[in-house]
């Protein structure tokens, strides 16, 4: 019985951590501007990224 309680506690904690990390990643990539990207969010910087020019061989 003790093992079942521990597993349930771990499952609840693990799910809570996954949700929290997911929310933080969404904020970090979609809402928080980064000075490295010229005050754009990583999502905006990625959307504005152009393909590098390839040299003719």
N, C-alpha and C. Protein backbone atom coordinates (compact mmCIF):
# COMPACT_ATOMS: atom_id res chain seq x y z
N UNK A 1 0.81 -1.19 0.00
CA UNK A 1 0.00 0.00 0.00
C UNK A 1 0.86 1.26 0.00
N UNK A 2 1.93 1.22 0.74
CA UNK A 2 2.84 2.38 0.81
C UNK A 2 3.44 2.69 -0.57
N UNK A 3 3.77 1.64 -1.30
CA UNK A 3 4.34 1.82 -2.64
C UNK A 3 3.35 2.52 -3.57
N UNK A 4 2.10 2.16 -3.48
CA UNK A 4 1.06 2.78 -4.33
C UNK A 4 0.94 4.26 -3.99
N UNK A 5 0.98 4.61 -2.71
CA UNK A 5 0.90 6.02 -2.31
C UNK A 5 2.10 6.80 -2.83
N UNK A 6 3.27 6.20 -2.73
CA UNK A 6 4.48 6.89 -3.23
C UNK A 6 4.39 7.10 -4.74
N UNK A 7 3.96 6.08 -5.46
CA UNK A 7 3.83 6.21 -6.91
C UNK A 7 2.83 7.29 -7.29
N UNK A 8 1.71 7.34 -6.59
CA UNK A 8 0.69 8.35 -6.86
C UNK A 8 1.22 9.75 -6.55
N UNK A 9 1.94 9.87 -5.45
CA UNK A 9 2.54 11.16 -5.08
C UNK A 9 3.55 11.57 -6.15
N UNK A 10 4.38 10.65 -6.60
CA UNK A 10 5.37 10.95 -7.64
C UNK A 10 4.69 11.35 -8.94
N UNK A 11 3.64 10.63 -9.32
CA UNK A 11 2.93 10.92 -10.55
C UNK A 11 2.32 12.32 -10.50
N UNK A 12 1.73 12.67 -9.37
CA UNK A 12 1.13 14.00 -9.20
C UNK A 12 2.20 15.08 -9.28
N UNK A 13 3.31 14.88 -8.59
CA UNK A 13 4.40 15.85 -8.60
C UNK A 13 4.98 15.98 -10.00
N UNK A 14 5.17 14.87 -10.68
CA UNK A 14 5.76 14.86 -12.02
C UNK A 14 4.86 15.61 -13.00
N UNK A 15 3.57 15.38 -12.94
CA UNK A 15 2.63 16.07 -13.82
C UNK A 15 2.64 17.56 -13.54
N UNK A 16 2.66 17.92 -12.28
CA UNK A 16 2.70 19.33 -11.90
C UNK A 16 3.98 20.00 -12.42
N UNK A 17 5.10 19.31 -12.31
CA UNK A 17 6.37 19.85 -12.81
C UNK A 17 6.34 20.01 -14.32
N UNK A 18 5.79 19.05 -15.03
CA UNK A 18 5.72 19.14 -16.49
C UNK A 18 4.87 20.33 -16.93
N UNK A 19 3.75 20.54 -16.24
CA UNK A 19 2.88 21.67 -16.57
C UNK A 19 3.60 22.98 -16.30
N UNK A 20 4.26 23.08 -15.16
CA UNK A 20 4.99 24.30 -14.82
C UNK A 20 6.12 24.60 -15.79
N UNK A 21 6.87 23.58 -16.16
CA UNK A 21 7.97 23.76 -17.11
C UNK A 21 7.42 24.16 -18.48
N UNK A 22 6.32 23.55 -18.89
CA UNK A 22 5.70 23.90 -20.16
C UNK A 22 5.26 25.36 -20.20
N UNK A 23 4.66 25.83 -19.11
CA UNK A 23 4.24 27.24 -19.03
C UNK A 23 5.45 28.16 -19.09
N UNK A 24 6.51 27.81 -18.38
CA UNK A 24 7.71 28.64 -18.37
C UNK A 24 8.33 28.70 -19.76
N UNK A 25 8.42 27.57 -20.45
CA UNK A 25 8.98 27.55 -21.80
C UNK A 25 8.15 28.38 -22.77
N UNK A 26 6.83 28.29 -22.65
CA UNK A 26 5.95 29.08 -23.52
C UNK A 26 6.20 30.57 -23.27
N UNK A 27 6.28 30.97 -22.01
CA UNK A 27 6.57 32.38 -21.68
C UNK A 27 7.94 32.78 -22.21
N UNK A 28 8.94 31.96 -21.96
CA UNK A 28 10.31 32.27 -22.34
C UNK A 28 10.45 32.44 -23.84
N UNK A 29 9.80 31.60 -24.62
CA UNK A 29 9.96 31.64 -26.08
C UNK A 29 8.98 32.57 -26.79
N UNK A 30 7.81 32.80 -26.22
CA UNK A 30 6.78 33.55 -26.93
C UNK A 30 6.52 34.95 -26.38
N UNK A 31 6.83 35.18 -25.12
CA UNK A 31 6.47 36.46 -24.52
C UNK A 31 7.65 37.29 -24.03
N UNK A 32 8.72 36.66 -23.60
CA UNK A 32 9.84 37.37 -22.98
C UNK A 32 10.82 37.84 -24.04
N UNK A 33 11.00 39.16 -24.20
CA UNK A 33 11.97 39.64 -25.19
C UNK A 33 13.41 39.36 -24.73
N UNK A 34 14.29 39.13 -25.69
CA UNK A 34 15.69 38.85 -25.40
C UNK A 34 16.57 39.91 -26.06
N UNK A 35 17.50 40.44 -25.32
CA UNK A 35 18.39 41.46 -25.89
C UNK A 35 19.26 40.88 -27.00
N UNK A 36 19.56 39.62 -26.94
CA UNK A 36 20.37 38.97 -27.97
C UNK A 36 19.70 39.04 -29.34
N UNK A 37 18.37 39.01 -29.33
CA UNK A 37 17.60 39.02 -30.57
C UNK A 37 17.11 40.42 -30.92
N UNK A 38 17.72 41.45 -30.36
CA UNK A 38 17.29 42.81 -30.64
C UNK A 38 15.93 43.10 -30.04
N UNK A 39 15.71 42.67 -28.83
CA UNK A 39 14.48 42.85 -28.07
C UNK A 39 13.28 42.15 -28.73
N UNK A 40 13.52 41.08 -29.45
CA UNK A 40 12.46 40.23 -29.97
C UNK A 40 12.37 38.98 -29.11
N UNK A 41 11.24 38.33 -29.16
CA UNK A 41 11.14 37.04 -28.49
C UNK A 41 11.84 36.01 -29.38
N UNK A 42 12.25 34.87 -28.85
CA UNK A 42 12.85 33.84 -29.69
C UNK A 42 11.93 33.40 -30.84
N UNK A 43 10.62 33.32 -30.57
CA UNK A 43 9.68 32.95 -31.64
C UNK A 43 9.68 33.99 -32.75
N UNK A 44 9.70 35.27 -32.39
CA UNK A 44 9.72 36.33 -33.40
C UNK A 44 11.04 36.31 -34.17
N UNK A 45 12.14 36.12 -33.46
CA UNK A 45 13.45 36.07 -34.11
C UNK A 45 13.52 34.90 -35.10
N UNK A 46 12.96 33.77 -34.72
CA UNK A 46 12.97 32.61 -35.60
C UNK A 46 12.08 32.85 -36.82
N UNK A 47 10.94 33.51 -36.62
CA UNK A 47 10.03 33.79 -37.74
C UNK A 47 10.65 34.79 -38.72
N UNK A 48 11.49 35.70 -38.23
CA UNK A 48 12.12 36.71 -39.08
C UNK A 48 13.42 36.23 -39.70
N UNK A 49 13.86 35.05 -39.30
CA UNK A 49 15.14 34.53 -39.78
C UNK A 49 15.05 34.16 -41.25
N UNK A 50 16.05 34.56 -42.01
CA UNK A 50 16.07 34.22 -43.43
C UNK A 50 17.10 33.13 -43.65
N UNK A 51 16.95 32.45 -44.76
CA UNK A 51 17.90 31.40 -45.10
C UNK A 51 19.25 32.04 -45.43
N UNK A 52 20.34 31.48 -44.96
CA UNK A 52 21.65 32.01 -45.31
C UNK A 52 21.91 31.85 -46.81
N UNK A 53 22.60 32.82 -47.36
CA UNK A 53 22.90 32.75 -48.79
C UNK A 53 23.93 31.68 -49.04
N UNK A 54 23.72 30.91 -50.08
CA UNK A 54 24.68 29.85 -50.44
C UNK A 54 25.52 30.37 -51.57
N UNK A 55 26.79 30.09 -51.48
CA UNK A 55 27.68 30.54 -52.55
C UNK A 55 27.61 29.55 -53.72
N UNK A 56 27.73 30.10 -54.90
CA UNK A 56 27.70 29.25 -56.09
C UNK A 56 29.02 28.48 -56.17
N UNK A 57 28.92 27.23 -56.47
CA UNK A 57 30.13 26.40 -56.52
C UNK A 57 30.49 26.09 -57.94
